[in-house]
Amino acid sequence: MLAHENGLASVEAFRLKATALGMKGRKLRVEGDLTADVTYVCGVSLKPYPASLDVPFDQVFGEGQHDNNLIDFDPLDDNEVEPLVHGEASVSDLGYQLFSLALDPFPRHPDLAPPSEKDDEDGDDEIEEKTSPFAVLKDLKL
């Protein structure tokens, strides 16, 4: 299911190690590490290749008094408080989100050469000469 939903050939291993610590104000801090062994399908050659993920995390869950009219956003704060649902923290949902976000959205087999600027979409070896869109202005006389 994880592999199919995320466009992978397979997921060989998925490990989520977490420690939950109670905090003041009915909050819960969950710290841990997500590790996974996956098999990507290269977007260029369609060859499968293995990769490993290692994602440390530190997430705070809490019951909040959310006012929809007020937005409290701190761009330097990595730990937004995730809501407790019926007094429970969904660590499995957190693991799934971390896994999905850690995946390479454009997998490319490590044996392939990196893409170059000379590559054409048509696959032709000819390099088209690029002209500036302002080149027509040089002939105008004012």
C-alpha atoms as a PDB file:
ATOM      1  CA  MET A   1       0.000   0.000   0.000  1.00  0.00           C
ATOM      2  CA  LEU A   2       2.793   2.457   0.889  1.00  0.00           C
ATOM      3  CA  ALA A   3       4.642   1.644  -2.319  1.00  0.00           C
ATOM      4  CA  HIS A   4       1.607   1.938  -4.587  1.00  0.00           C
ATOM      5  CA  GLU A   5       0.369   5.222  -3.065  1.00  0.00           C
ATOM      6  CA  ASN A   6       3.811   6.817  -3.415  1.00  0.00           C
ATOM      7  CA  GLY A   7       4.782   5.527  -6.868  1.00  0.00           C
ATOM      8  CA  LEU A   8       7.491   3.153  -5.638  1.00  0.00           C
ATOM      9  CA  ALA A   9       8.402  -0.299  -6.897  1.00  0.00           C
ATOM     10  CA  SER A  10       8.479  -1.565  -3.303  1.00  0.00           C
ATOM     11  CA  VAL A  11       9.039  -0.739   0.351  1.00  0.00           C
ATOM     12  CA  GLU A  12      11.335  -3.337   1.879  1.00  0.00           C
ATOM     13  CA  ALA A  13      11.457  -1.874   5.390  1.00  0.00           C
ATOM     14  CA  PHE A  14       9.648   0.848   7.332  1.00  0.00           C
ATOM     15  CA  ARG A  15      10.712   1.583  10.909  1.00  0.00           C
ATOM     16  CA  LEU A  16       9.334   4.324  13.141  1.00  0.00           C
ATOM     17  CA  LYS A  17      10.993   4.669  16.539  1.00  0.00           C
ATOM     18  CA  ALA A  18       9.394   7.297  18.762  1.00  0.00           C
ATOM     19  CA  THR A  19       9.460   8.515  22.333  1.00  0.00           C
ATOM     20  CA  ALA A  20       6.532  10.469  23.746  1.00  0.00           C
ATOM     21  CA  LEU A  21       7.069  13.005  26.521  1.00  0.00           C
ATOM     22  CA  GLY A  22       4.277  14.814  28.350  1.00  0.00           C
ATOM     23  CA  MET A  23       4.462  18.623  28.489  1.00  0.00           C
ATOM     24  CA  LYS A  24       2.636  21.394  30.312  1.00  0.00           C
ATOM     25  CA  GLY A  25      -0.739  22.468  29.001  1.00  0.00           C
ATOM     26  CA  ARG A  26      -1.980  19.094  27.740  1.00  0.00           C
ATOM     27  CA  LYS A  27       0.766  18.809  25.128  1.00  0.00           C
ATOM     28  CA  LEU A  28       2.777  15.826  24.009  1.00  0.00           C
ATOM     29  CA  ARG A  29       6.225  15.926  22.406  1.00  0.00           C
ATOM     30  CA  VAL A  30       7.033  13.008  20.110  1.00  0.00           C
ATOM     31  CA  GLU A  31      10.684  12.606  19.125  1.00  0.00           C
ATOM     32  CA  GLY A  32      12.207   9.870  17.071  1.00  0.00           C
ATOM     33  CA  ASP A  33      13.522   8.596  13.791  1.00  0.00           C
ATOM     34  CA  LEU A  34      11.894   7.184  10.681  1.00  0.00           C
ATOM     35  CA  THR A  35      14.005   4.839   8.555  1.00  0.00           C
ATOM     36  CA  ALA A  36      12.931   3.048   5.410  1.00  0.00           C
ATOM     37  CA  ASP A  37      14.411   0.984   2.610  1.00  0.00           C
ATOM     38  CA  VAL A  38      12.609   1.597  -0.671  1.00  0.00           C
ATOM     39  CA  THR A  39      12.961   0.789  -4.350  1.00  0.00           C
ATOM     40  CA  TYR A  40      12.408   3.732  -6.681  1.00  0.00           C
ATOM     41  CA  VAL A  41      11.578   3.485 -10.371  1.00  0.00           C
ATOM     42  CA  CYS A  42      13.821   5.814 -12.382  1.00  0.00           C
ATOM     43  CA  GLY A  43      11.777   8.423 -14.240  1.00  0.00           C
ATOM     44  CA  VAL A  44      14.196   8.341 -17.201  1.00  0.00           C
ATOM     45  CA  SER A  45      15.210   4.709 -17.717  1.00  0.00           C
ATOM     46  CA  LEU A  46      12.348   3.032 -15.774  1.00  0.00           C
ATOM     47  CA  LYS A  47      14.966   0.868 -14.038  1.00  0.00           C
ATOM     48  CA  PRO A  48      14.358   0.119 -10.348  1.00  0.00           C
ATOM     49  CA  TYR A  49      17.030   1.067  -7.836  1.00  0.00           C
ATOM     50  CA  PRO A  50      17.267   0.838  -4.029  1.00  0.00           C
ATOM     51  CA  ALA A  51      17.499   3.783  -1.644  1.00  0.00           C
ATOM     52  CA  SER A  52      17.355   4.380   2.100  1.00  0.00           C
ATOM     53  CA  LEU A  53      15.564   7.106   4.032  1.00  0.00           C
ATOM     54  CA  ASP A  54      16.523   8.408   7.462  1.00  0.00           C
ATOM     55  CA  VAL A  55      14.302  11.165   8.854  1.00  0.00           C
ATOM     56  CA  PRO A  56      14.727  12.409  12.427  1.00  0.00           C
ATOM     57  CA  PHE A  57      11.678  14.233  13.789  1.00  0.00           C
ATOM     58  CA  ASP A  58      10.477  16.246  16.767  1.00  0.00           C
ATOM     59  CA  GLN A  59       6.756  17.025  16.784  1.00  0.00           C
ATOM     60  CA  VAL A  60       4.511  18.596  19.418  1.00  0.00           C
ATOM     61  CA  PHE A  61       0.851  17.590  19.705  1.00  0.00           C
ATOM     62  CA  GLY A  62      -1.603  19.579  21.786  1.00  0.00           C
ATOM     63  CA  GLU A  63      -5.141  20.664  22.383  1.00  0.00           C
ATOM     64  CA  GLY A  64      -5.394  24.200  21.165  1.00  0.00           C
ATOM     65  CA  GLN A  65      -7.852  27.002  21.400  1.00  0.00           C
ATOM     66  CA  HIS A  66      -7.826  27.838  17.703  1.00  0.00           C
ATOM     67  CA  ASP A  67      -9.465  31.047  16.562  1.00  0.00           C
ATOM     68  CA  ASN A  68     -10.045  30.848  12.815  1.00  0.00           C
ATOM     69  CA  ASN A  69      -9.783  34.638  12.501  1.00  0.00           C
ATOM     70  CA  LEU A  70      -6.273  34.820  13.952  1.00  0.00           C
ATOM     71  CA  ILE A  71      -3.187  33.412  12.307  1.00  0.00           C
ATOM     72  CA  ASP A  72      -0.156  32.934  14.540  1.00  0.00           C
ATOM     73  CA  PHE A  73       2.722  32.085  12.227  1.00  0.00           C
ATOM     74  CA  ASP A  74       6.383  32.070  13.164  1.00  0.00           C
ATOM     75  CA  PRO A  75       8.586  31.251  10.136  1.00  0.00           C
ATOM     76  CA  LEU A  76      11.495  30.367  12.428  1.00  0.00           C
ATOM     77  CA  ASP A  77       9.470  27.898  14.495  1.00  0.00           C
ATOM     78  CA  ASP A  78       9.812  24.375  13.097  1.00  0.00           C
ATOM     79  CA  ASN A  79       7.482  22.888  15.680  1.00  0.00           C
ATOM     80  CA  GLU A  80       3.938  23.777  14.814  1.00  0.00           C
ATOM     81  CA  VAL A  81       1.574  22.138  17.256  1.00  0.00           C
ATOM     82  CA  GLU A  82      -0.378  19.329  15.631  1.00  0.00           C
ATOM     83  CA  PRO A  83      -3.852  18.847  17.080  1.00  0.00           C
ATOM     84  CA  LEU A  84      -4.720  16.037  19.426  1.00  0.00           C
ATOM     85  CA  VAL A  85      -7.815  14.276  18.060  1.00  0.00           C
ATOM     86  CA  HIS A  86     -10.075  13.105  20.884  1.00  0.00           C
ATOM     87  CA  GLY A  87      -7.087  13.454  23.196  1.00  0.00           C
ATOM     88  CA  GLU A  88      -4.872  11.191  21.067  1.00  0.00           C
ATOM     89  CA  ALA A  89      -1.776  11.861  18.966  1.00  0.00           C
ATOM     90  CA  SER A  90      -1.730  10.117  15.597  1.00  0.00           C
ATOM     91  CA  VAL A  91       1.901   9.023  15.385  1.00  0.00           C
ATOM     92  CA  SER A  92       1.134   6.685  12.474  1.00  0.00           C
ATOM     93  CA  ASP A  93      -0.199   9.628  10.415  1.00  0.00           C
ATOM     94  CA  LEU A  94       2.920  11.591  11.323  1.00  0.00           C
ATOM     95  CA  GLY A  95       5.072   8.672  10.129  1.00  0.00           C
ATOM     96  CA  TYR A  96       3.195   8.441   6.833  1.00  0.00           C
ATOM     97  CA  GLN A  97       3.547  12.193   6.227  1.00  0.00           C
ATOM     98  CA  LEU A  98       7.266  12.143   7.025  1.00  0.00           C
ATOM     99  CA  PHE A  99       7.771   9.158   4.734  1.00  0.00           C
ATOM    100  CA  SER A 100       5.901  10.756   1.828  1.00  0.00           C
ATOM    101  CA  LEU A 101       7.747  14.074   2.177  1.00  0.00           C
ATOM    102  CA  ALA A 102      11.175  12.399   2.369  1.00  0.00           C
ATOM    103  CA  LEU A 103      10.745  10.629  -0.979  1.00  0.00           C
ATOM    104  CA  ASP A 104      12.462  11.968  -4.072  1.00  0.00           C
ATOM    105  CA  PRO A 105       9.698  13.400  -6.304  1.00  0.00           C
ATOM    106  CA  PHE A 106      11.833  12.920  -9.453  1.00  0.00           C
ATOM    107  CA  PRO A 107      13.809   9.708  -8.954  1.00  0.00           C
ATOM    108  CA  ARG A 108      16.796   9.265 -11.249  1.00  0.00           C
ATOM    109  CA  HIS A 109      18.964   6.154 -11.295  1.00  0.00           C
ATOM    110  CA  PRO A 110      22.395   6.948  -9.783  1.00  0.00           C
ATOM    111  CA  ASP A 111      24.187   5.319 -12.752  1.00  0.00           C
ATOM    112  CA  LEU A 112      22.692   7.807 -15.218  1.00  0.00           C
ATOM    113  CA  ALA A 113      24.648  10.889 -16.185  1.00  0.00           C
ATOM    114  CA  PRO A 114      23.155  14.108 -14.847  1.00  0.00           C
ATOM    115  CA  PRO A 115      20.983  15.998 -17.318  1.00  0.00           C
ATOM    116  CA  SER A 116      22.801  18.607 -19.352  1.00  0.00           C
ATOM    117  CA  GLU A 117      21.607  21.871 -20.828  1.00  0.00           C
ATOM    118  CA  LYS A 118      22.316  20.509 -24.325  1.00  0.00           C
ATOM    119  CA  ASP A 119      19.648  17.807 -24.011  1.00  0.00           C
ATOM    120  CA  ASP A 120      16.747  18.510 -26.370  1.00  0.00           C
ATOM    121  CA  GLU A 121      13.223  17.383 -25.695  1.00  0.00           C
ATOM    122  CA  ASP A 122      13.182  15.796 -29.178  1.00  0.00           C
ATOM    123  CA  GLY A 123      16.450  13.964 -28.526  1.00  0.00           C
ATOM    124  CA  ASP A 124      18.197  15.641 -31.494  1.00  0.00           C
ATOM    125  CA  ASP A 125      21.917  16.293 -31.244  1.00  0.00           C
ATOM    126  CA  GLU A 126      21.578  19.697 -32.882  1.00  0.00           C
ATOM    127  CA  ILE A 127      21.641  22.673 -30.589  1.00  0.00           C
ATOM    128  CA  GLU A 128      19.283  25.385 -31.666  1.00  0.00           C
ATOM    129  CA  GLU A 129      20.721  28.851 -31.585  1.00  0.00           C
ATOM    130  CA  LYS A 130      18.768  30.883 -29.083  1.00  0.00           C
ATOM    131  CA  THR A 131      17.833  34.386 -30.095  1.00  0.00           C
ATOM    132  CA  SER A 132      16.905  37.101 -27.709  1.00  0.00           C
ATOM    133  CA  PRO A 133      13.280  38.238 -27.793  1.00  0.00           C
ATOM    134  CA  PHE A 134      14.664  41.790 -28.024  1.00  0.00           C
ATOM    135  CA  ALA A 135      16.670  41.104 -31.188  1.00  0.00           C
ATOM    136  CA  VAL A 136      13.874  42.593 -33.361  1.00  0.00           C
ATOM    137  CA  LEU A 137      14.278  45.927 -31.575  1.00  0.00           C
ATOM    138  CA  LYS A 138      17.800  46.499 -32.895  1.00  0.00           C
ATOM    139  CA  ASP A 139      16.427  47.287 -36.374  1.00  0.00           C
ATOM    140  CA  LEU A 140      13.937  49.889 -35.133  1.00  0.00           C
ATOM    141  CA  LYS A 141      14.832  53.515 -35.637  1.00  0.00           C
ATOM    142  CA  LEU A 142      13.337  56.191 -33.491  1.00  0.00           C
END
